[in-house]
Amino acid sequence: MKKAGIGIPTIQDRARQALVKSALEPEWESRFEGTSYGFRPGRSAQDAIARIYLSIKHGCYYVLDADIACETFRSEIGLQCLK
């Protein structure tokens, strides 16, 4: 991703990100578990923390925290998804 002078993504890059998000979000949002949070619309870190406490209270002790690198999406497979 090109950065404008001080490390901020350019307007063109932001527009591309918004386009990709609007294309992929509706389909992928429906595939996520109801208990996943991350950067999902209408869900916050506070919601995730509340869910963790609730799960522990009910005897569940597994929490998955993972990050997906943006560079992974830039692969040919990621670009084919947009076509």
N, C-alpha and C. Protein backbone atom coordinates (compact mmCIF):
# COMPACT_ATOMS: atom_id res chain seq x y z
N MET A 1 0.85 -1.17 0.00
CA MET A 1 0.00 0.00 0.00
C MET A 1 0.89 1.23 0.00
N LYS A 2 0.65 2.13 -0.90
CA LYS A 2 1.40 3.38 -0.91
C LYS A 2 0.93 4.25 0.24
N LYS A 3 1.87 5.00 0.78
CA LYS A 3 1.52 5.87 1.89
C LYS A 3 1.79 7.32 1.48
N ALA A 4 0.92 8.20 1.89
CA ALA A 4 1.09 9.62 1.61
C ALA A 4 2.08 10.19 2.63
N GLY A 5 3.15 10.72 2.17
CA GLY A 5 4.15 11.41 2.96
C GLY A 5 4.46 10.90 4.36
N ILE A 6 3.52 10.99 5.27
CA ILE A 6 3.80 10.67 6.67
C ILE A 6 3.26 9.31 7.10
N GLY A 7 3.12 8.39 6.18
CA GLY A 7 2.70 7.04 6.52
C GLY A 7 1.20 6.82 6.55
N ILE A 8 0.44 7.75 6.03
CA ILE A 8 -1.03 7.63 6.00
C ILE A 8 -1.43 7.11 4.62
N PRO A 9 -2.31 6.10 4.56
CA PRO A 9 -2.75 5.60 3.25
C PRO A 9 -3.36 6.72 2.40
N THR A 10 -3.12 6.66 1.10
CA THR A 10 -3.63 7.69 0.20
C THR A 10 -5.15 7.58 0.08
N ILE A 11 -5.77 8.62 -0.43
CA ILE A 11 -7.22 8.64 -0.65
C ILE A 11 -7.61 7.50 -1.58
N GLN A 12 -6.80 7.26 -2.60
CA GLN A 12 -7.09 6.19 -3.56
C GLN A 12 -7.06 4.82 -2.85
N ASP A 13 -6.10 4.62 -1.96
CA ASP A 13 -6.03 3.36 -1.21
C ASP A 13 -7.22 3.22 -0.27
N ARG A 14 -7.62 4.30 0.37
CA ARG A 14 -8.80 4.25 1.26
C ARG A 14 -10.06 3.91 0.46
N ALA A 15 -10.17 4.47 -0.72
CA ALA A 15 -11.34 4.18 -1.57
C ALA A 15 -11.35 2.71 -1.98
N ARG A 16 -10.17 2.16 -2.30
CA ARG A 16 -10.10 0.73 -2.65
C ARG A 16 -10.49 -0.14 -1.45
N GLN A 17 -10.00 0.23 -0.27
CA GLN A 17 -10.34 -0.53 0.93
C GLN A 17 -11.85 -0.53 1.17
N ALA A 18 -12.47 0.62 1.00
CA ALA A 18 -13.92 0.73 1.20
C ALA A 18 -14.67 -0.10 0.18
N LEU A 19 -14.19 -0.13 -1.05
CA LEU A 19 -14.83 -0.92 -2.11
C LEU A 19 -14.74 -2.41 -1.78
N VAL A 20 -13.57 -2.86 -1.37
CA VAL A 20 -13.39 -4.27 -1.02
C VAL A 20 -14.28 -4.64 0.17
N LYS A 21 -14.31 -3.76 1.17
CA LYS A 21 -15.13 -4.03 2.35
C LYS A 21 -16.61 -4.13 1.97
N SER A 22 -17.09 -3.20 1.16
CA SER A 22 -18.51 -3.22 0.79
C SER A 22 -18.85 -4.43 -0.07
N ALA A 23 -17.87 -4.94 -0.81
CA ALA A 23 -18.12 -6.12 -1.66
C ALA A 23 -18.12 -7.41 -0.84
N LEU A 24 -17.23 -7.51 0.13
CA LEU A 24 -17.05 -8.76 0.86
C LEU A 24 -17.87 -8.87 2.15
N GLU A 25 -18.09 -7.76 2.81
CA GLU A 25 -18.72 -7.80 4.14
C GLU A 25 -20.08 -8.48 4.18
N PRO A 26 -21.01 -8.19 3.28
CA PRO A 26 -22.33 -8.83 3.40
C PRO A 26 -22.28 -10.36 3.35
N GLU A 27 -21.47 -10.91 2.45
CA GLU A 27 -21.40 -12.36 2.35
C GLU A 27 -20.66 -12.97 3.54
N TRP A 28 -19.54 -12.40 3.90
CA TRP A 28 -18.73 -12.98 4.98
C TRP A 28 -19.36 -12.77 6.34
N GLU A 29 -20.04 -11.68 6.54
CA GLU A 29 -20.68 -11.43 7.84
C GLU A 29 -21.67 -12.54 8.18
N SER A 30 -22.38 -13.03 7.18
CA SER A 30 -23.37 -14.08 7.42
C SER A 30 -22.72 -15.42 7.75
N ARG A 31 -21.45 -15.59 7.43
CA ARG A 31 -20.75 -16.85 7.70
C ARG A 31 -20.12 -16.92 9.09
N PHE A 32 -19.94 -15.77 9.73
CA PHE A 32 -19.28 -15.76 11.02
C PHE A 32 -20.18 -16.30 12.12
N GLU A 33 -19.58 -16.90 13.10
CA GLU A 33 -20.32 -17.37 14.27
C GLU A 33 -20.90 -16.17 15.01
N GLY A 34 -22.00 -16.36 15.65
CA GLY A 34 -22.60 -15.29 16.43
C GLY A 34 -21.74 -14.86 17.61
N THR A 35 -20.80 -15.72 17.98
CA THR A 35 -19.93 -15.40 19.12
C THR A 35 -18.58 -14.84 18.71
N SER A 36 -18.39 -14.54 17.43
CA SER A 36 -17.13 -13.91 17.02
C SER A 36 -17.33 -12.39 17.01
N TYR A 37 -16.29 -11.68 17.36
CA TYR A 37 -16.40 -10.23 17.49
C TYR A 37 -15.47 -9.51 16.53
N GLY A 38 -14.21 -9.37 16.84
CA GLY A 38 -13.26 -8.72 15.93
C GLY A 38 -13.75 -7.36 15.47
N PHE A 39 -13.48 -7.02 14.23
CA PHE A 39 -13.88 -5.74 13.67
C PHE A 39 -15.17 -5.93 12.90
N ARG A 40 -16.21 -6.32 13.59
CA ARG A 40 -17.50 -6.56 12.95
C ARG A 40 -18.44 -5.40 13.25
N PRO A 41 -19.34 -5.12 12.32
CA PRO A 41 -20.27 -4.01 12.52
C PRO A 41 -21.14 -4.22 13.76
N GLY A 42 -21.25 -3.19 14.56
CA GLY A 42 -22.11 -3.24 15.74
C GLY A 42 -21.55 -4.04 16.90
N ARG A 43 -20.27 -4.39 16.86
CA ARG A 43 -19.65 -5.16 17.95
C ARG A 43 -18.39 -4.45 18.41
N SER A 44 -18.20 -4.41 19.71
CA SER A 44 -17.05 -3.70 20.26
C SER A 44 -16.20 -4.64 21.11
N ALA A 45 -15.05 -4.14 21.53
CA ALA A 45 -14.19 -4.89 22.44
C ALA A 45 -14.92 -5.15 23.76
N GLN A 46 -15.72 -4.19 24.19
CA GLN A 46 -16.49 -4.37 25.43
C GLN A 46 -17.49 -5.51 25.30
N ASP A 47 -18.10 -5.65 24.13
CA ASP A 47 -19.03 -6.77 23.89
C ASP A 47 -18.29 -8.10 23.98
N ALA A 48 -17.08 -8.16 23.41
CA ALA A 48 -16.29 -9.38 23.46
C ALA A 48 -15.90 -9.72 24.89
N ILE A 49 -15.49 -8.73 25.66
CA ILE A 49 -15.12 -8.97 27.06
C ILE A 49 -16.31 -9.46 27.86
N ALA A 50 -17.47 -8.86 27.65
CA ALA A 50 -18.68 -9.30 28.35
C ALA A 50 -19.00 -10.74 28.00
N ARG A 51 -18.82 -11.11 26.73
CA ARG A 51 -19.08 -12.49 26.30
C ARG A 51 -18.10 -13.47 26.94
N ILE A 52 -16.85 -13.05 27.09
CA ILE A 52 -15.84 -13.90 27.73
C ILE A 52 -16.24 -14.17 29.17
N TYR A 53 -16.61 -13.13 29.91
CA TYR A 53 -17.02 -13.31 31.30
C TYR A 53 -18.25 -14.22 31.39
N LEU A 54 -19.20 -14.04 30.50
CA LEU A 54 -20.40 -14.88 30.50
C LEU A 54 -20.05 -16.34 30.22
N SER A 55 -19.15 -16.57 29.26
CA SER A 55 -18.74 -17.94 28.93
C SER A 55 -18.03 -18.60 30.11
N ILE A 56 -17.15 -17.86 30.77
CA ILE A 56 -16.43 -18.41 31.93
C ILE A 56 -17.42 -18.76 33.03
N LYS A 57 -18.39 -17.89 33.22
CA LYS A 57 -19.41 -18.13 34.26
C LYS A 57 -20.17 -19.44 33.99
N HIS A 58 -20.36 -19.78 32.70
CA HIS A 58 -21.09 -20.99 32.33
C HIS A 58 -20.18 -22.19 32.08
N GLY A 59 -18.90 -22.08 32.45
CA GLY A 59 -17.99 -23.22 32.37
C GLY A 59 -17.21 -23.39 31.08
N CYS A 60 -17.29 -22.45 30.17
CA CYS A 60 -16.50 -22.52 28.94
C CYS A 60 -15.21 -21.72 29.14
N TYR A 61 -14.08 -22.31 28.80
CA TYR A 61 -12.81 -21.65 29.09
C TYR A 61 -11.94 -21.42 27.88
N TYR A 62 -12.46 -21.54 26.68
CA TYR A 62 -11.66 -21.37 25.48
C TYR A 62 -12.00 -20.05 24.80
N VAL A 63 -10.96 -19.26 24.53
CA VAL A 63 -11.12 -17.99 23.81
C VAL A 63 -10.05 -17.97 22.74
N LEU A 64 -10.42 -17.67 21.51
CA LEU A 64 -9.47 -17.59 20.41
C LEU A 64 -9.26 -16.13 20.05
N ASP A 65 -8.00 -15.73 20.03
CA ASP A 65 -7.64 -14.38 19.61
C ASP A 65 -6.66 -14.54 18.46
N ALA A 66 -7.02 -14.06 17.26
CA ALA A 66 -6.16 -14.23 16.09
C ALA A 66 -6.20 -12.98 15.24
N ASP A 67 -5.12 -12.74 14.53
CA ASP A 67 -5.02 -11.63 13.60
C ASP A 67 -4.78 -12.18 12.20
N ILE A 68 -5.39 -11.54 11.21
CA ILE A 68 -5.17 -11.92 9.82
C ILE A 68 -4.44 -10.76 9.16
N ALA A 69 -3.30 -11.05 8.57
CA ALA A 69 -2.50 -10.00 7.93
C ALA A 69 -3.18 -9.53 6.66
N CYS A 70 -3.21 -8.24 6.47
CA CYS A 70 -3.81 -7.67 5.25
C CYS A 70 -3.07 -8.11 4.01
N GLU A 71 -1.77 -8.34 4.13
CA GLU A 71 -0.99 -8.75 2.97
C GLU A 71 -1.47 -10.07 2.41
N THR A 72 -2.05 -10.93 3.25
CA THR A 72 -2.56 -12.22 2.79
C THR A 72 -3.64 -12.02 1.74
N PHE A 73 -4.50 -11.03 1.94
CA PHE A 73 -5.60 -10.79 1.01
C PHE A 73 -5.11 -10.33 -0.35
N ARG A 74 -3.95 -9.71 -0.39
CA ARG A 74 -3.44 -9.18 -1.65
C ARG A 74 -2.95 -10.26 -2.60
N SER A 75 -3.00 -11.48 -2.18
CA SER A 75 -2.55 -12.57 -3.04
C SER A 75 -3.50 -12.71 -4.23
N GLU A 76 -3.11 -13.51 -5.16
CA GLU A 76 -3.95 -13.75 -6.35
C GLU A 76 -5.32 -14.30 -5.95
N ILE A 77 -5.36 -15.15 -4.94
CA ILE A 77 -6.64 -15.72 -4.50
C ILE A 77 -7.56 -14.61 -4.03
N GLY A 78 -7.03 -13.69 -3.25
CA GLY A 78 -7.82 -12.57 -2.76
C GLY A 78 -8.34 -11.70 -3.89
N LEU A 79 -7.50 -11.46 -4.87
CA LEU A 79 -7.92 -10.64 -6.00
C LEU A 79 -8.97 -11.34 -6.85
N GLN A 80 -8.90 -12.67 -6.95
CA GLN A 80 -9.88 -13.42 -7.72
C GLN A 80 -11.25 -13.35 -7.06
N CYS A 81 -11.29 -13.22 -5.75
CA CYS A 81 -12.57 -13.12 -5.04
C CYS A 81 -13.34 -11.88 -5.44
N LEU A 82 -12.62 -10.86 -5.87
CA LEU A 82 -13.27 -9.60 -6.22
C LEU A 82 -13.86 -9.62 -7.61
N LYS A 83 -13.48 -10.59 -8.43
CA LYS A 83 -13.96 -10.61 -9.83
C LYS A 83 -15.34 -11.19 -9.92
